[in-house]
Protein backbone atom coordinates (compact mmCIF):
# COMPACT_ATOMS: atom_id res chain seq x y z
CA MET A 1 -16.58 -11.27 -1.91
CA GLU A 2 -14.17 -11.63 1.02
CA ALA A 3 -12.43 -14.56 -0.64
CA ASN A 4 -12.09 -12.59 -3.85
CA VAL A 5 -10.33 -9.75 -2.03
CA LEU A 6 -7.78 -12.15 -0.56
CA GLU A 7 -7.36 -14.09 -3.79
CA ARG A 8 -6.49 -10.89 -5.65
CA LEU A 9 -3.54 -10.28 -3.35
CA PRO A 10 -0.22 -11.60 -4.66
CA ASP A 11 2.05 -13.51 -2.27
CA PRO A 12 3.99 -11.29 0.18
CA ALA A 13 7.25 -11.35 -1.82
CA MET A 14 5.49 -10.27 -5.02
CA LEU A 15 3.42 -7.70 -3.11
CA GLN A 16 6.59 -6.19 -1.63
CA LYS A 17 8.14 -5.99 -5.10
CA LEU A 18 5.01 -4.31 -6.49
CA MET A 19 4.94 -1.75 -3.69
CA LYS A 20 8.60 -0.86 -4.31
CA ILE A 21 7.95 -0.45 -8.05
CA GLN A 22 4.96 1.84 -7.43
CA ALA A 23 6.91 3.83 -4.83
CA ALA A 24 9.77 4.29 -7.32
CA LEU A 25 7.35 5.59 -9.93
CA ASN A 26 5.81 7.99 -7.39
CA ILE A 27 9.27 9.35 -6.54
CA ILE A 28 9.85 10.07 -10.22
CA LEU A 29 6.41 11.57 -10.83
CA CYS A 30 6.03 13.67 -7.67
CA GLN A 31 8.80 15.70 -6.01
CA GLU A 32 6.64 16.50 -2.95
CA GLU A 33 6.82 13.48 -0.66
CA TRP A 34 3.56 14.30 1.13
CA LEU A 35 1.62 14.23 -2.15
CA ARG A 36 2.76 10.75 -3.19
CA TYR A 37 0.14 8.04 -3.43
CA HIS A 38 2.47 5.05 -2.95
CA SER A 39 5.54 5.08 -0.72
CA TYR A 40 7.99 2.50 0.61
CA VAL A 41 10.61 2.50 3.39
CA GLN A 42 13.03 -0.45 3.33
CA ASP A 43 14.37 0.03 6.87
CA TRP A 44 11.21 1.15 8.63
CA ASN A 45 12.17 -0.78 11.74
CA GLU A 46 14.70 -3.46 12.54
CA GLY A 47 14.14 -6.12 9.87
CA VAL A 48 10.82 -4.51 8.90
CA ALA A 49 9.93 -2.75 5.63
CA MET A 50 6.85 -0.55 5.31
CA ALA A 51 4.73 0.33 2.29
CA LYS A 52 1.94 2.90 2.36
CA ILE A 53 -0.88 4.00 0.12
CA ASP A 54 -2.37 7.40 0.94
CA ASN A 55 -4.96 8.89 -1.39
CA GLY A 56 -4.92 12.31 0.27
CA SER A 57 -8.63 12.06 1.06
CA GLY A 58 -8.37 10.41 4.47
CA ASP A 59 -8.02 6.78 3.33
CA HIS A 60 -4.82 4.78 3.74
CA LEU A 61 -3.25 1.35 3.62
CA PHE A 62 -0.15 0.29 5.56
CA ILE A 63 1.71 -2.91 4.69
CA LEU A 64 4.49 -4.16 6.95
CA PHE A 65 6.88 -6.89 5.81
CA SER A 66 8.80 -8.68 8.57
CA PRO A 67 10.76 -11.92 9.12
CA GLU A 68 7.63 -13.35 10.83
CA GLY A 69 5.25 -12.42 8.03
CA SER A 70 3.30 -9.53 6.55
CA ILE A 71 0.34 -7.50 7.79
CA ILE A 72 -1.94 -5.04 5.99
CA LYS A 73 -3.92 -2.41 7.89
CA GLY A 74 -6.48 -0.42 5.94
CA PHE A 75 -8.66 2.55 6.79
CA ASP A 76 -11.57 3.75 4.67
CA HIS A 77 -12.84 6.93 6.35
CA GLU A 78 -16.30 6.54 4.81
CA SER A 79 -16.74 2.95 6.02
CA GLY A 80 -19.41 2.20 8.60
CA LEU A 81 -16.73 0.15 10.39
CA SER A 82 -14.62 3.24 11.07
CA PRO A 83 -14.23 4.06 14.78
CA TYR A 84 -15.35 7.59 13.88
CA ALA A 85 -18.71 6.24 12.69
CA GLN A 86 -19.48 4.79 16.15
CA ASP A 87 -20.44 6.42 19.44
CA GLU A 88 -17.93 4.25 21.36
CA HIS A 89 -15.13 5.22 18.95
CA LYS A 90 -13.70 1.68 19.16
CA VAL A 91 -12.01 -0.68 16.72
CA TRP A 92 -14.78 -2.76 15.10
CA GLN A 93 -15.18 -6.16 16.75
CA GLY A 94 -13.20 -8.97 15.14
CA ILE A 95 -10.78 -6.92 13.03
CA TYR A 96 -7.73 -7.72 15.17
CA ASP A 97 -9.00 -10.70 17.19
CA ASP A 98 -7.31 -13.47 15.20
CA VAL A 99 -4.12 -11.66 14.17
CA PRO A 100 -0.97 -13.46 15.42
CA LYS A 101 0.65 -11.43 18.23
CA GLU A 102 4.01 -11.19 16.47
CA LEU A 103 2.35 -9.49 13.48
CA LEU A 104 -0.11 -7.36 15.47
CA SER A 105 2.80 -5.91 17.46
CA LEU A 106 4.16 -4.42 14.22
CA LEU A 107 1.23 -1.97 14.24
CA GLU A 108 2.14 -0.45 17.62
CA ASP A 109 4.19 2.40 16.10
CA ASP A 110 2.36 5.76 16.48
CA ALA A 111 2.83 6.52 12.77
CA ILE A 112 0.71 3.47 11.87
CA GLU A 113 -2.38 4.80 13.71
CA LYS A 114 -3.40 1.31 14.77
CA ASP A 115 -6.89 2.29 15.97
CA ASP A 116 -7.75 3.99 12.66
CA VAL A 117 -8.72 0.75 10.95
CA THR A 118 -11.59 -0.76 8.98
CA PHE A 119 -9.85 -4.01 7.95
CA CYS A 120 -6.74 -6.06 8.64
CA ILE A 121 -5.19 -8.84 6.51
CA TRP A 122 -2.14 -10.90 7.38
CA CYS A 123 0.06 -13.76 6.25
CA LYS A 124 2.63 -15.51 8.42
CA ASN A 125 5.73 -16.74 6.61
CA SER A 126 4.58 -20.30 7.26
CA ASP A 127 1.18 -19.61 5.63
CA THR A 128 0.32 -20.35 2.02
CA ASN A 129 -2.43 -17.73 1.84
CA TRP A 130 -3.63 -14.45 3.32
CA HIS A 131 -6.08 -14.29 6.26
CA LYS A 132 -8.69 -11.83 7.42
CA GLY A 133 -10.51 -11.65 10.74
CA ASN A 134 -14.03 -12.96 11.21
CA VAL A 135 -15.81 -9.61 11.05
CA GLU A 136 -19.54 -9.08 10.78
CA ILE A 137 -20.04 -6.35 8.21
CA PRO A 138 -23.52 -4.80 8.37
CA GLU A 139 -25.67 -5.20 5.27
CA GLY A 140 -24.97 -2.48 2.75
CA ALA A 141 -21.69 -1.51 4.45
CA SER A 142 -18.11 -2.05 3.29
CA ASP A 143 -14.83 -2.30 5.18
CA GLY A 144 -13.01 -0.59 2.30
CA SER A 145 -10.73 -3.53 1.50
CA ASP A 146 -12.03 -3.96 -2.03
CA PHE A 147 -11.50 -0.27 -2.76
CA LEU A 148 -8.08 0.14 -1.08
CA LEU A 149 -6.53 -3.12 -2.31
CA GLY A 150 -7.63 -1.99 -5.76
CA CYS A 151 -5.08 0.84 -5.38
CA ILE A 152 -2.29 -1.74 -5.69
CA PHE A 153 -1.70 -1.74 -9.43
CA HIS A 154 -0.56 -5.17 -10.64
CA THR A 155 0.23 -4.19 -14.23
CA PRO A 156 2.00 -1.25 -15.90
CA GLU A 157 -1.19 -0.54 -17.86
CA ASP A 158 -3.22 -0.15 -14.66
CA PHE A 159 -0.57 2.06 -13.08
CA GLU A 160 -0.24 4.22 -16.20
CA GLU A 161 -4.00 4.73 -16.36
CA PHE A 162 -4.14 5.73 -12.68
CA ALA A 163 -1.01 7.89 -12.57
CA SER A 164 -1.55 9.88 -15.76
CA ASP A 165 -4.82 11.07 -14.23
CA TYR A 166 -3.67 11.44 -10.59
CA PHE A 167 -0.43 13.27 -11.36
CA ASP A 168 -1.85 14.94 -14.48
CA LEU A 169 1.12 13.85 -16.60
CA PRO A 170 1.16 12.08 -19.97
CA LEU A 171 3.10 8.89 -19.20
CA SER A 172 5.21 6.63 -21.39
CA LEU A 173 3.70 3.16 -20.94
CA GLU A 174 6.90 1.73 -22.41
CA VAL A 175 9.04 3.20 -19.61
CA VAL A 176 6.50 2.28 -16.90
CA ALA A 177 6.53 -1.32 -18.25
CA LYS A 178 10.35 -1.40 -18.06
CA ILE A 179 10.23 -0.37 -14.40
CA TYR A 180 7.61 -3.06 -13.73
CA ASP A 181 10.01 -5.51 -15.40
CA ASP A 182 12.78 -4.51 -12.96
CA VAL A 183 14.93 -2.80 -15.62
CA PRO A 184 17.44 -0.53 -13.81
CA ILE A 185 16.10 3.04 -13.82
CA THR A 186 18.26 5.43 -15.84
CA GLU A 187 18.40 9.24 -16.03
CA GLU A 188 16.85 9.01 -19.50
CA MET A 189 13.88 6.98 -18.19
CA ILE A 190 13.32 9.49 -15.40
CA HIS A 191 13.47 12.40 -17.84
CA ILE A 192 10.96 10.74 -20.19
CA LEU A 193 8.48 10.19 -17.35
CA ASN A 194 8.89 13.61 -15.75
CA SER A 195 11.00 16.18 -17.56
CA SER A 196 10.52 18.79 -14.83
CA CYS A 197 11.98 16.78 -11.92
CA ASP A 198 15.48 17.03 -10.44
CA VAL A 199 16.96 13.80 -11.83
CA LYS A 200 19.85 13.66 -9.33
CA GLU A 201 17.51 14.07 -6.35
CA VAL A 202 15.25 11.36 -7.75
CA LEU A 203 18.19 8.97 -8.18
CA GLN A 204 19.29 9.61 -4.58
CA GLU A 205 15.81 8.74 -3.32
CA LEU A 206 15.53 5.68 -5.55
CA ALA A 207 18.80 4.36 -4.13
CA LEU A 208 17.12 4.12 -0.70
CA LEU A 209 14.36 1.78 -1.88
C-alpha cells in the first residue's frame, strides 16, 4: 500500500503544475480565501513555493517546492499517528527520521505547524522517486496519506466531480479541461465557471500564481 501511495504521486515538476492549476480553479470558484480547498503561493519563501490542501475539517497537506527538492507534510486529525491521539503528544516515531536536513528545515515556519503531522514524503532534486520514512503503522490504523494525496486531482474530470459538490456549483468540464491543459484563463472562462465572482479581482489573484 505504501508503494502505491508513492507511485501515484507525479514527479515534483508535474505536481507543482497540478497544484497551481487546482489553486487557480479554487480562486475562480471561491472568493473567500479561507474557504478554498487548494491554494498555492509562488514566493512563499526565498526560492520556495508552497501549495496547501485544507479540507476545513482539520486535515491538511503542505507541499514545499525548493531548489533542493520537494517535501510533503500531511496531517489527518483522525489518524492514530496524530500527536493528539497520544499521551506524550509527540511526532510519531520515524516520520521525520530519514528526511534530508535541507528539506526538513523547510518545515520550520510556524505556519506549517511542523509537529501536526501524520506522514511526510520527500524527493530531493537528485532523486528519481519519492521517499517516505520507515514508520510502523499499527494494525488497523492509517497515516492519512492515501486519503490526503487522493485530494490532488490529476484529471479535469476528477476535479470537476469534486468541485461541483464541494463548492455546490455546476461546472463546465470543457473550461476545467482547458485550464488543466494550460490554456490562458480569460474573463469569459471565469464567468462561465462562476458568474457571481468579481472577474477583475480573480484575474489579479491569478496573476500572482
